[in-house]
N, C-alpha and C. Protein backbone atom coordinates (compact mmCIF):
# COMPACT_ATOMS: atom_id res chain seq x y z
N MET A 1 66.10 116.67 92.77
CA MET A 1 67.00 115.57 93.21
C MET A 1 66.15 114.48 93.75
N LYS A 2 66.37 113.18 93.29
CA LYS A 2 65.72 112.01 93.74
C LYS A 2 65.90 111.73 95.26
N ALA A 3 64.80 111.48 96.03
CA ALA A 3 65.06 111.06 97.29
C ALA A 3 65.36 109.55 97.49
N ASN A 4 66.34 109.20 98.40
CA ASN A 4 66.81 107.86 98.54
C ASN A 4 65.87 107.02 99.59
N LYS A 5 65.80 105.78 99.26
CA LYS A 5 65.19 104.84 100.40
C LYS A 5 65.85 104.93 101.70
N VAL A 6 67.33 104.87 101.54
CA VAL A 6 68.24 104.81 102.60
C VAL A 6 69.48 105.20 102.22
N GLY A 7 70.30 105.80 103.07
CA GLY A 7 71.65 106.24 102.87
C GLY A 7 72.37 106.01 104.11
N ILE A 8 73.78 105.72 103.94
CA ILE A 8 74.73 105.58 105.09
C ILE A 8 75.94 106.28 104.91
N ILE A 9 76.74 106.47 105.88
CA ILE A 9 78.15 107.00 105.78
C ILE A 9 78.95 106.03 106.56
N GLY A 10 80.18 105.77 106.14
CA GLY A 10 80.96 104.88 106.83
C GLY A 10 82.39 104.95 106.46
N LYS A 11 83.17 103.96 106.96
CA LYS A 11 84.70 103.98 106.68
C LYS A 11 85.00 102.64 105.86
N LYS A 12 85.73 102.94 104.98
CA LYS A 12 86.22 101.83 104.10
C LYS A 12 87.46 100.89 104.78
N LEU A 13 87.11 99.72 105.03
CA LEU A 13 88.10 98.92 105.83
C LEU A 13 89.09 98.25 104.92
N GLY A 14 88.65 97.87 103.58
CA GLY A 14 89.59 97.22 102.76
C GLY A 14 88.80 96.16 101.90
N MET A 15 89.56 95.34 101.13
CA MET A 15 88.88 94.34 100.41
C MET A 15 89.12 92.85 100.87
N THR A 16 88.20 92.00 100.60
CA THR A 16 88.36 90.66 100.84
C THR A 16 87.52 89.77 99.91
N GLN A 17 87.39 88.54 100.04
CA GLN A 17 86.61 87.68 99.06
C GLN A 17 85.53 86.95 99.95
N VAL A 18 84.37 86.81 99.12
CA VAL A 18 83.30 86.12 99.63
C VAL A 18 82.61 85.33 98.52
N TYR A 19 81.76 84.28 98.87
CA TYR A 19 81.14 83.63 97.75
C TYR A 19 79.82 84.22 97.48
N ASP A 20 79.53 84.61 96.13
CA ASP A 20 78.29 85.13 95.69
C ASP A 20 77.65 84.20 94.59
N ASN A 21 76.56 83.56 95.02
CA ASN A 21 75.89 82.61 94.18
C ASN A 21 76.85 81.51 93.60
N GLY A 22 77.72 81.05 94.56
CA GLY A 22 78.60 79.86 94.16
C GLY A 22 79.88 80.24 93.64
N ALA A 23 80.18 81.51 93.20
CA ALA A 23 81.31 82.07 92.61
C ALA A 23 82.05 82.99 93.64
N ILE A 24 83.31 82.94 93.68
CA ILE A 24 84.06 83.88 94.50
C ILE A 24 84.10 85.35 93.95
N ALA A 25 83.92 86.18 94.80
CA ALA A 25 83.88 87.64 94.41
C ALA A 25 84.69 88.51 95.27
N GLY A 26 85.44 89.53 94.68
CA GLY A 26 86.15 90.43 95.46
C GLY A 26 85.14 91.53 95.89
N VAL A 27 85.13 91.80 97.32
CA VAL A 27 84.28 92.84 97.83
C VAL A 27 85.11 93.84 98.68
N THR A 28 84.50 95.01 98.73
CA THR A 28 85.06 96.12 99.64
C THR A 28 84.12 96.13 100.91
N VAL A 29 84.62 96.08 102.08
CA VAL A 29 83.95 96.16 103.33
C VAL A 29 83.82 97.69 103.77
N ILE A 30 82.58 98.06 104.13
CA ILE A 30 82.25 99.31 104.57
C ILE A 30 81.75 99.19 105.98
N ASP A 31 82.30 99.84 106.97
CA ASP A 31 81.84 99.79 108.31
C ASP A 31 81.09 101.11 108.78
N PHE A 32 79.76 100.95 109.25
CA PHE A 32 79.05 102.18 109.55
C PHE A 32 78.55 101.94 111.00
N SER A 33 79.42 101.32 111.85
CA SER A 33 78.91 100.88 113.28
C SER A 33 78.94 102.31 113.96
N ASP A 34 79.64 103.33 113.64
CA ASP A 34 79.69 104.53 114.47
C ASP A 34 78.82 105.61 113.91
N MET A 35 77.91 105.19 113.04
CA MET A 35 77.12 106.32 112.27
C MET A 35 76.03 106.81 113.26
N GLU A 36 75.62 108.05 113.34
CA GLU A 36 74.62 108.48 114.18
C GLU A 36 73.92 109.71 113.37
N ILE A 37 72.58 109.80 113.68
CA ILE A 37 71.85 111.06 113.17
C ILE A 37 72.01 112.18 114.08
N ILE A 38 72.50 113.20 113.34
CA ILE A 38 72.90 114.65 114.05
C ILE A 38 71.85 115.75 113.63
N GLY A 39 70.97 115.43 112.67
CA GLY A 39 70.02 116.46 112.29
C GLY A 39 69.00 115.88 111.29
N LYS A 40 67.92 116.66 111.15
CA LYS A 40 66.96 116.25 110.09
C LYS A 40 66.38 117.55 109.38
N ARG A 41 65.97 117.34 108.16
CA ARG A 41 65.37 118.33 107.31
C ARG A 41 63.94 117.86 107.04
N THR A 42 62.89 118.74 107.19
CA THR A 42 61.53 118.32 106.92
C THR A 42 60.96 119.13 105.93
N THR A 43 59.76 118.59 105.27
CA THR A 43 59.10 119.32 104.11
C THR A 43 58.51 120.60 104.65
N GLU A 44 57.98 120.46 105.94
CA GLU A 44 57.18 121.79 106.47
C GLU A 44 58.16 122.95 106.72
N LYS A 45 59.48 122.49 107.29
CA LYS A 45 60.26 123.58 107.72
C LYS A 45 61.39 124.00 106.55
N ASP A 46 61.71 123.01 105.82
CA ASP A 46 62.84 123.26 104.75
C ASP A 46 62.54 122.94 103.45
N GLY A 47 61.35 122.40 103.24
CA GLY A 47 60.89 122.20 101.73
C GLY A 47 61.25 120.72 101.29
N TYR A 48 62.03 120.07 101.87
CA TYR A 48 62.48 118.55 101.61
C TYR A 48 62.63 117.83 102.75
N ASN A 49 62.73 116.54 102.55
CA ASN A 49 63.05 115.59 103.57
C ASN A 49 64.54 115.06 103.53
N ALA A 50 65.30 115.23 104.62
CA ALA A 50 66.57 114.73 104.59
C ALA A 50 67.18 114.44 105.98
N VAL A 51 68.12 113.62 106.09
CA VAL A 51 68.83 113.33 107.42
C VAL A 51 70.25 113.83 107.22
N ILE A 52 70.89 114.22 108.39
CA ILE A 52 72.29 114.63 108.40
C ILE A 52 72.90 113.59 109.19
N LEU A 53 73.80 112.81 108.69
CA LEU A 53 74.47 111.80 109.46
C LEU A 53 75.92 112.21 109.72
N GLY A 54 76.31 111.75 110.82
CA GLY A 54 77.78 111.92 111.35
C GLY A 54 78.41 110.66 111.64
N TYR A 55 79.68 110.61 111.57
CA TYR A 55 80.47 109.44 111.75
C TYR A 55 81.96 109.73 112.35
N ASP A 56 82.39 108.83 113.18
CA ASP A 56 83.60 109.06 113.92
C ASP A 56 83.74 110.15 114.64
N PHE A 57 83.04 110.15 115.82
CA PHE A 57 82.82 111.30 116.63
C PHE A 57 84.11 111.41 117.69
N LYS A 58 84.36 112.86 117.88
CA LYS A 58 85.38 113.14 118.91
C LYS A 58 84.90 113.98 119.89
N THR A 59 85.45 114.08 121.10
CA THR A 59 84.87 114.98 122.10
C THR A 59 85.61 116.30 122.09
N VAL A 60 84.84 117.29 122.05
CA VAL A 60 85.31 118.57 122.04
C VAL A 60 84.91 119.38 123.32
N ARG A 61 85.71 120.15 123.88
CA ARG A 61 85.58 120.88 125.06
C ARG A 61 85.59 122.47 124.79
N ARG A 62 84.49 123.14 125.04
CA ARG A 62 84.33 124.55 124.81
C ARG A 62 83.63 125.17 125.90
N LYS A 63 84.22 126.10 126.52
CA LYS A 63 83.43 126.96 127.68
C LYS A 63 83.04 125.96 128.66
N GLU A 64 83.90 125.11 129.16
CA GLU A 64 83.63 124.10 130.15
C GLU A 64 82.55 123.14 129.80
N LYS A 65 82.18 122.96 128.52
CA LYS A 65 81.20 122.07 128.15
C LYS A 65 81.75 121.01 127.19
N GLU A 66 81.34 119.92 127.24
CA GLU A 66 81.94 118.72 126.38
C GLU A 66 80.78 118.40 125.46
N PHE A 67 81.04 118.26 124.36
CA PHE A 67 79.91 117.62 123.29
C PHE A 67 80.72 116.97 122.13
N LYS A 68 80.14 116.06 121.50
CA LYS A 68 80.63 115.16 120.41
C LYS A 68 80.37 115.89 119.07
N LYS A 69 81.57 115.80 118.31
CA LYS A 69 81.62 116.47 117.02
C LYS A 69 82.13 115.48 116.02
N PRO A 70 81.47 115.22 114.84
CA PRO A 70 81.74 114.27 113.92
C PRO A 70 82.97 114.63 113.11
N ARG A 71 83.85 113.67 112.80
CA ARG A 71 84.90 114.04 111.77
C ARG A 71 84.40 114.00 110.34
N TYR A 72 83.26 113.30 110.04
CA TYR A 72 82.62 113.21 108.79
C TYR A 72 81.28 113.38 108.87
N CYS A 73 80.48 114.22 108.00
CA CYS A 73 79.07 114.30 108.12
C CYS A 73 78.64 114.46 106.71
N ARG A 74 77.40 114.01 106.39
CA ARG A 74 76.82 114.30 105.16
C ARG A 74 75.31 114.37 105.28
N GLU A 75 74.59 115.18 104.31
CA GLU A 75 73.16 115.27 104.24
C GLU A 75 72.79 114.43 103.14
N ILE A 76 71.70 113.54 103.39
CA ILE A 76 71.21 112.71 102.37
C ILE A 76 69.65 112.79 102.34
N ARG A 77 69.21 113.17 101.12
CA ARG A 77 67.71 113.20 100.95
C ARG A 77 67.08 111.89 101.05
N ILE A 78 66.06 111.82 101.72
CA ILE A 78 65.47 110.48 102.12
C ILE A 78 63.96 110.46 101.98
N GLU A 79 63.33 109.48 101.52
CA GLU A 79 61.96 109.39 101.52
C GLU A 79 61.27 109.46 102.87
N ASP A 80 61.68 108.69 103.75
CA ASP A 80 61.18 108.52 105.01
C ASP A 80 62.28 108.50 106.15
N SER A 81 62.50 109.70 106.96
CA SER A 81 63.51 109.66 107.90
C SER A 81 63.25 108.71 109.15
N GLY A 82 62.05 108.23 109.16
CA GLY A 82 61.74 107.26 110.27
C GLY A 82 62.42 105.90 110.27
N VAL A 83 63.08 105.65 109.11
CA VAL A 83 63.94 104.45 109.00
C VAL A 83 65.08 104.43 109.92
N TYR A 84 65.61 105.68 110.37
CA TYR A 84 66.70 105.81 111.14
C TYR A 84 66.31 105.69 112.70
N ASP A 85 65.06 105.71 113.04
CA ASP A 85 64.68 105.79 114.44
C ASP A 85 65.00 104.40 115.20
N ASP A 86 65.05 103.39 114.35
CA ASP A 86 65.26 101.96 115.12
C ASP A 86 66.27 101.22 114.30
N ASP A 87 67.17 100.52 114.99
CA ASP A 87 68.11 99.76 114.24
C ASP A 87 67.49 98.67 113.38
N ALA A 88 66.44 98.07 113.84
CA ALA A 88 65.68 97.06 113.10
C ALA A 88 65.19 97.58 111.90
N LYS A 89 64.59 98.79 111.82
CA LYS A 89 64.12 99.28 110.51
C LYS A 89 65.16 99.54 109.63
N LEU A 90 66.35 100.18 110.08
CA LEU A 90 67.47 100.40 109.16
C LEU A 90 67.98 99.19 108.69
N SER A 91 68.07 98.17 109.34
CA SER A 91 68.63 96.93 108.92
C SER A 91 67.77 96.38 107.84
N GLU A 92 66.40 96.44 107.99
CA GLU A 92 65.38 95.85 107.11
C GLU A 92 65.61 96.80 105.71
N ALA A 93 65.73 98.00 105.90
CA ALA A 93 65.81 98.90 104.74
C ALA A 93 67.12 98.61 104.00
N VAL A 94 68.18 98.30 104.67
CA VAL A 94 69.48 98.13 104.04
C VAL A 94 69.64 96.79 103.24
N SER A 95 68.92 95.81 103.83
CA SER A 95 68.97 94.50 103.51
C SER A 95 68.16 94.29 102.31
N SER A 96 67.16 95.22 101.99
CA SER A 96 66.27 95.08 100.85
C SER A 96 67.02 95.67 99.53
N ILE A 97 68.03 96.26 99.76
CA ILE A 97 68.71 96.99 98.64
C ILE A 97 69.63 95.97 97.76
N LYS A 98 69.55 96.04 96.57
CA LYS A 98 70.35 95.09 95.59
C LYS A 98 71.56 95.79 95.16
N LYS A 99 71.54 97.13 94.73
CA LYS A 99 72.49 97.83 94.22
C LYS A 99 72.69 99.20 94.83
N VAL A 100 73.95 99.67 94.92
CA VAL A 100 74.28 100.96 95.70
C VAL A 100 75.13 101.91 94.78
N ASP A 101 75.12 103.11 95.24
CA ASP A 101 76.04 104.06 94.58
C ASP A 101 77.03 104.48 95.89
N ILE A 102 78.24 104.47 95.53
CA ILE A 102 79.28 104.96 96.50
C ILE A 102 79.94 106.21 96.11
N ALA A 103 80.11 107.09 97.04
CA ALA A 103 80.91 108.29 96.82
C ALA A 103 82.02 108.39 97.72
N GLY A 104 83.19 108.75 97.30
CA GLY A 104 84.34 109.03 98.21
C GLY A 104 85.41 109.83 97.57
N ILE A 105 86.40 110.14 98.34
CA ILE A 105 87.59 110.93 97.80
C ILE A 105 88.58 109.87 97.34
N MET A 106 88.89 110.03 96.03
CA MET A 106 89.99 109.08 95.45
C MET A 106 91.21 109.47 95.84
N LYS A 107 92.17 108.58 95.73
CA LYS A 107 93.65 108.71 96.14
C LYS A 107 94.32 109.78 95.28
N GLY A 108 95.12 110.50 95.91
CA GLY A 108 95.85 111.67 95.18
C GLY A 108 97.03 110.96 94.35
N ARG A 109 97.17 111.37 93.22
CA ARG A 109 98.27 110.80 92.31
C ARG A 109 99.42 111.78 92.12
N GLY A 110 99.24 113.04 92.58
CA GLY A 110 100.06 114.07 92.32
C GLY A 110 100.03 114.63 90.81
N PHE A 111 101.16 115.14 90.39
CA PHE A 111 101.25 115.53 88.96
C PHE A 111 101.46 114.43 88.01
N ALA A 112 100.46 114.37 87.03
CA ALA A 112 100.45 113.14 86.07
C ALA A 112 100.38 113.71 84.59
N GLY A 113 101.06 112.93 83.75
CA GLY A 113 101.09 113.20 82.28
C GLY A 113 99.66 112.83 81.69
N ALA A 114 99.55 113.27 80.46
CA ALA A 114 98.34 113.02 79.82
C ALA A 114 97.92 111.57 79.58
N ILE A 115 98.94 110.74 79.40
CA ILE A 115 98.69 109.39 79.14
C ILE A 115 98.08 108.72 80.40
N LYS A 116 98.72 108.94 81.55
CA LYS A 116 98.16 108.45 82.83
C LYS A 116 96.88 109.03 83.17
N ARG A 117 96.79 110.31 83.05
CA ARG A 117 95.68 111.08 83.66
C ARG A 117 94.32 110.92 82.74
N TRP A 118 94.53 110.90 81.35
CA TRP A 118 93.43 110.82 80.48
C TRP A 118 93.38 109.67 79.66
N HIS A 119 94.28 108.63 79.78
CA HIS A 119 94.33 107.43 79.06
C HIS A 119 94.59 107.63 77.60
N PHE A 120 95.41 108.58 77.29
CA PHE A 120 95.79 108.81 75.90
C PHE A 120 96.55 107.55 75.30
N ASN A 121 96.58 107.40 74.08
CA ASN A 121 97.39 106.50 73.44
C ASN A 121 98.80 107.01 73.37
N GLY A 122 99.84 106.15 73.64
CA GLY A 122 101.25 106.50 73.33
C GLY A 122 101.66 106.50 71.90
N GLY A 123 102.71 107.14 71.59
CA GLY A 123 103.22 107.14 70.16
C GLY A 123 103.99 106.02 69.89
N PRO A 124 104.53 105.84 68.69
CA PRO A 124 105.32 104.61 68.33
C PRO A 124 106.62 104.48 69.20
N ALA A 125 106.98 103.29 69.49
CA ALA A 125 108.22 102.99 70.24
C ALA A 125 109.39 102.67 69.47
N THR A 126 109.20 102.50 68.15
CA THR A 126 110.31 102.08 67.28
C THR A 126 110.30 102.92 66.03
N HIS A 127 111.12 102.49 65.04
CA HIS A 127 111.45 103.15 63.71
C HIS A 127 111.69 104.68 63.87
N GLY A 128 112.48 104.91 64.71
CA GLY A 128 112.97 106.47 64.93
C GLY A 128 111.88 107.44 65.43
N ALA A 129 110.92 106.88 65.92
CA ALA A 129 109.94 107.81 66.46
C ALA A 129 110.56 108.62 67.69
N LYS A 130 110.18 109.95 67.69
CA LYS A 130 110.69 110.77 68.80
C LYS A 130 109.56 111.15 69.86
N MET A 131 108.36 110.63 69.65
CA MET A 131 107.36 111.03 70.50
C MET A 131 106.79 109.75 71.08
N HIS A 132 106.87 109.48 72.48
CA HIS A 132 106.49 108.20 73.18
C HIS A 132 105.23 108.49 73.98
N ARG A 133 105.42 109.23 75.07
CA ARG A 133 104.42 109.48 76.07
C ARG A 133 104.21 111.03 76.20
N ARG A 134 104.06 111.69 75.10
CA ARG A 134 103.74 113.11 75.15
C ARG A 134 102.22 113.33 74.72
N THR A 135 101.92 114.57 75.07
CA THR A 135 100.44 114.93 74.82
C THR A 135 100.20 115.15 73.35
N GLY A 136 101.03 115.64 72.50
CA GLY A 136 100.86 115.89 71.08
C GLY A 136 100.43 117.26 70.93
N SER A 137 99.90 117.46 69.69
CA SER A 137 99.55 118.92 69.18
C SER A 137 98.25 119.32 69.99
N ILE A 138 98.25 120.50 70.57
CA ILE A 138 97.11 121.07 71.32
C ILE A 138 96.73 122.40 70.76
N GLY A 139 97.42 122.96 69.67
CA GLY A 139 96.98 124.28 69.16
C GLY A 139 96.04 124.24 68.14
N MET A 140 95.54 125.38 67.65
CA MET A 140 94.47 125.46 66.57
C MET A 140 95.20 126.00 65.36
N HIS A 141 94.41 126.19 64.19
CA HIS A 141 94.97 126.88 63.09
C HIS A 141 94.89 128.31 63.33
N THR A 142 95.18 129.00 62.10
CA THR A 142 95.17 130.51 62.16
C THR A 142 93.83 131.00 62.86
N PHE A 143 92.73 130.35 62.62
CA PHE A 143 91.50 130.68 63.48
C PHE A 143 91.11 129.46 64.11
N PRO A 144 90.86 129.49 65.38
CA PRO A 144 90.82 130.55 66.23
C PRO A 144 91.96 130.82 67.02
N ALA A 145 93.18 130.12 66.66
CA ALA A 145 94.49 130.50 67.02
C ALA A 145 94.68 130.39 68.58
N HIS A 146 93.91 129.66 69.36
CA HIS A 146 94.15 129.56 70.83
C HIS A 146 93.80 128.09 71.21
N VAL A 147 94.29 127.70 72.46
CA VAL A 147 93.96 126.42 73.02
C VAL A 147 92.56 126.70 73.92
N PHE A 148 91.47 125.84 73.45
CA PHE A 148 90.27 125.89 74.31
C PHE A 148 90.47 125.53 75.71
N LYS A 149 89.59 126.17 76.60
CA LYS A 149 89.52 125.74 78.06
C LYS A 149 88.97 124.38 77.96
N GLY A 150 89.45 123.72 79.06
CA GLY A 150 89.11 122.38 79.29
C GLY A 150 89.83 121.34 78.60
N LYS A 151 90.90 121.72 77.82
CA LYS A 151 91.59 120.76 77.07
C LYS A 151 92.37 119.66 78.02
N HIS A 152 92.17 118.41 77.58
CA HIS A 152 92.93 117.46 78.37
C HIS A 152 94.45 117.59 78.39
N MET A 153 94.99 117.94 79.48
CA MET A 153 96.48 118.32 79.52
C MET A 153 97.14 117.52 80.81
N PRO A 154 98.36 117.54 80.89
CA PRO A 154 99.08 117.06 82.12
C PRO A 154 98.65 117.97 83.30
N GLY A 155 98.57 117.50 84.47
CA GLY A 155 98.26 118.31 85.69
C GLY A 155 97.95 117.36 86.89
N HIS A 156 97.52 118.03 87.88
CA HIS A 156 97.12 117.29 89.21
C HIS A 156 96.10 116.27 88.98
N MET A 157 96.25 114.99 89.47
CA MET A 157 95.37 113.95 89.17
C MET A 157 95.00 113.43 90.73
N GLY A 158 93.64 113.08 90.66
CA GLY A 158 93.24 112.43 92.04
C GLY A 158 92.82 113.48 92.99
N ASN A 159 92.57 112.89 94.32
CA ASN A 159 92.13 113.77 95.41
C ASN A 159 90.85 114.62 94.99
N THR A 160 89.94 113.97 94.29
CA THR A 160 88.64 114.60 93.99
C THR A 160 87.52 113.63 94.31
N ARG A 161 86.36 114.14 94.43
CA ARG A 161 85.17 113.32 94.85
C ARG A 161 84.76 112.58 93.72
N VAL A 162 84.64 111.14 93.75
CA VAL A 162 84.22 110.28 92.76
C VAL A 162 83.13 109.53 93.28
N THR A 163 82.07 109.26 92.26
CA THR A 163 80.86 108.50 92.58
C THR A 163 80.93 107.27 91.72
N VAL A 164 80.84 106.03 92.21
CA VAL A 164 80.80 104.64 91.46
C VAL A 164 79.15 104.38 91.62
N LEU A 165 78.56 104.18 90.36
CA LEU A 165 77.16 103.83 90.26
C LEU A 165 76.96 102.29 90.11
N GLY A 166 75.93 101.88 90.80
CA GLY A 166 75.36 100.58 90.50
C GLY A 166 76.18 99.38 90.89
N GLN A 167 76.84 99.50 92.01
CA GLN A 167 77.64 98.40 92.56
C GLN A 167 76.62 97.45 93.24
N LYS A 168 76.98 96.14 93.19
CA LYS A 168 76.19 95.08 93.91
C LYS A 168 76.42 95.00 95.34
N LEU A 169 75.41 94.95 96.31
CA LEU A 169 75.61 94.75 97.60
C LEU A 169 75.43 93.25 97.88
N VAL A 170 76.64 92.71 98.04
CA VAL A 170 76.65 91.24 98.00
C VAL A 170 76.18 90.64 99.38
N LYS A 171 76.62 91.29 100.46
CA LYS A 171 76.22 90.78 101.82
C LYS A 171 76.12 91.97 102.80
N PHE A 172 75.21 91.78 103.82
CA PHE A 172 75.03 92.83 104.90
C PHE A 172 75.07 92.07 106.20
N ASP A 173 76.05 92.56 107.06
CA ASP A 173 76.16 92.09 108.50
C ASP A 173 75.42 93.01 109.41
N ALA A 174 74.16 92.67 109.74
CA ALA A 174 73.46 93.62 110.66
C ALA A 174 73.95 93.76 112.00
N GLU A 175 74.57 92.65 112.48
CA GLU A 175 75.07 92.65 113.94
C GLU A 175 76.33 93.56 114.10
N LYS A 176 77.26 93.51 113.19
CA LYS A 176 78.46 94.41 113.08
C LYS A 176 78.38 95.60 112.27
N ARG A 177 77.08 95.72 111.54
CA ARG A 177 76.96 96.89 110.76
C ARG A 177 78.00 97.04 109.64
N LEU A 178 78.18 95.98 108.92
CA LEU A 178 79.05 96.00 107.81
C LEU A 178 78.36 95.75 106.47
N LEU A 179 78.87 96.34 105.35
CA LEU A 179 78.53 96.10 104.13
C LEU A 179 79.60 95.55 103.34
N PHE A 180 79.26 94.60 102.46
CA PHE A 180 80.10 93.90 101.51
C PHE A 180 79.75 94.34 100.10
N ILE A 181 80.45 95.24 99.57
CA ILE A 181 80.04 95.76 98.09
C ILE A 181 81.00 95.17 97.13
N ARG A 182 80.44 94.52 96.02
CA ARG A 182 81.16 93.91 94.97
C ARG A 182 82.09 95.12 94.16
N GLY A 183 83.33 94.71 93.96
CA GLY A 183 84.16 95.54 93.27
C GLY A 183 84.89 96.61 94.14
N ASN A 184 85.57 97.54 93.59
CA ASN A 184 86.35 98.62 94.24
C ASN A 184 85.48 99.81 94.66
N VAL A 185 86.02 100.54 95.68
CA VAL A 185 85.24 101.68 96.17
C VAL A 185 86.32 102.92 96.24
N PRO A 186 85.93 104.02 95.88
CA PRO A 186 86.91 105.18 95.67
C PRO A 186 87.51 105.40 97.08
N GLY A 187 88.91 105.72 97.13
CA GLY A 187 89.51 106.10 98.37
C GLY A 187 90.42 105.12 98.96
N ALA A 188 91.13 105.62 99.80
CA ALA A 188 92.19 104.71 100.48
C ALA A 188 91.45 104.03 101.66
N ASN A 189 92.02 102.84 102.18
CA ASN A 189 91.59 102.21 103.36
C ASN A 189 91.49 103.27 104.51
N ASN A 190 90.50 103.10 105.36
CA ASN A 190 90.17 103.94 106.47
C ASN A 190 89.67 105.40 105.96
N GLY A 191 89.27 105.47 104.77
CA GLY A 191 88.82 106.74 104.20
C GLY A 191 87.23 106.71 104.41
N TYR A 192 86.60 107.82 104.54
CA TYR A 192 85.05 107.93 104.64
C TYR A 192 84.46 108.00 103.33
N VAL A 193 83.32 107.22 103.19
CA VAL A 193 82.58 107.11 102.09
C VAL A 193 81.05 107.18 102.34
N MET A 194 80.23 107.58 101.36
CA MET A 194 78.83 107.69 101.45
C MET A 194 78.19 106.64 100.53
N VAL A 195 77.22 105.88 101.05
CA VAL A 195 76.46 104.87 100.27
C VAL A 195 75.06 105.08 100.29
N ARG A 196 74.46 104.97 99.09
CA ARG A 196 72.92 105.10 98.94
C ARG A 196 72.41 104.23 97.98
N ASP A 197 71.06 103.92 97.99
CA ASP A 197 70.56 102.91 97.19
C ASP A 197 70.67 103.52 95.67
N ALA A 198 71.03 102.74 94.76
CA ALA A 198 71.32 103.12 93.36
C ALA A 198 70.13 103.77 92.75
N ILE A 199 70.52 105.01 92.11
CA ILE A 199 69.62 105.76 91.35
C ILE A 199 69.20 105.12 89.98
N LYS A 200 69.99 104.26 89.42
CA LYS A 200 69.75 103.72 88.21
C LYS A 200 69.45 102.17 88.40
N ALA A 201 68.99 101.63 89.45
CA ALA A 201 68.77 100.29 89.71
C ALA A 201 67.68 99.80 88.96
């Protein structure tokens, strides 16, 4: 697995508009002001370098002791974990990135038909057609006489992890720790996401 220069976890705040090279662009705002390092992996001990990041901490009390527990945490393979030791180093690393990959949990759509779920074409709407938004034939001939596994069918849609590759990082607010990423980002507002430098940049 490729090690990243930098990775962050944060919360999707919503969308807004900013100017990008003189043209207005729709961007998604990611807030990582509450992100903290809660662990590290090293080559000497674990065989690879990585950081474990936590976000949105809550106070938990057990056996008369209080400690902070993150509501969302992720492990990200990193080239140099020293980037996270200082806010200035982290800001410099983030500002040098042009494109990012974003992973999040997409909104759940419940039970969906094949046309909405898999973007099938609908049938004719006129001339006496009886099939409009149905799946169509799914069976085989005499051989092999069964439906193969993995066939695109109606079923539960959404609520799965989705990664969007190569989105442009339009703006970075180091003071408020906000990322302005061009285009949409998986998940609902106030949902947690993971952002890393693009693997195909």
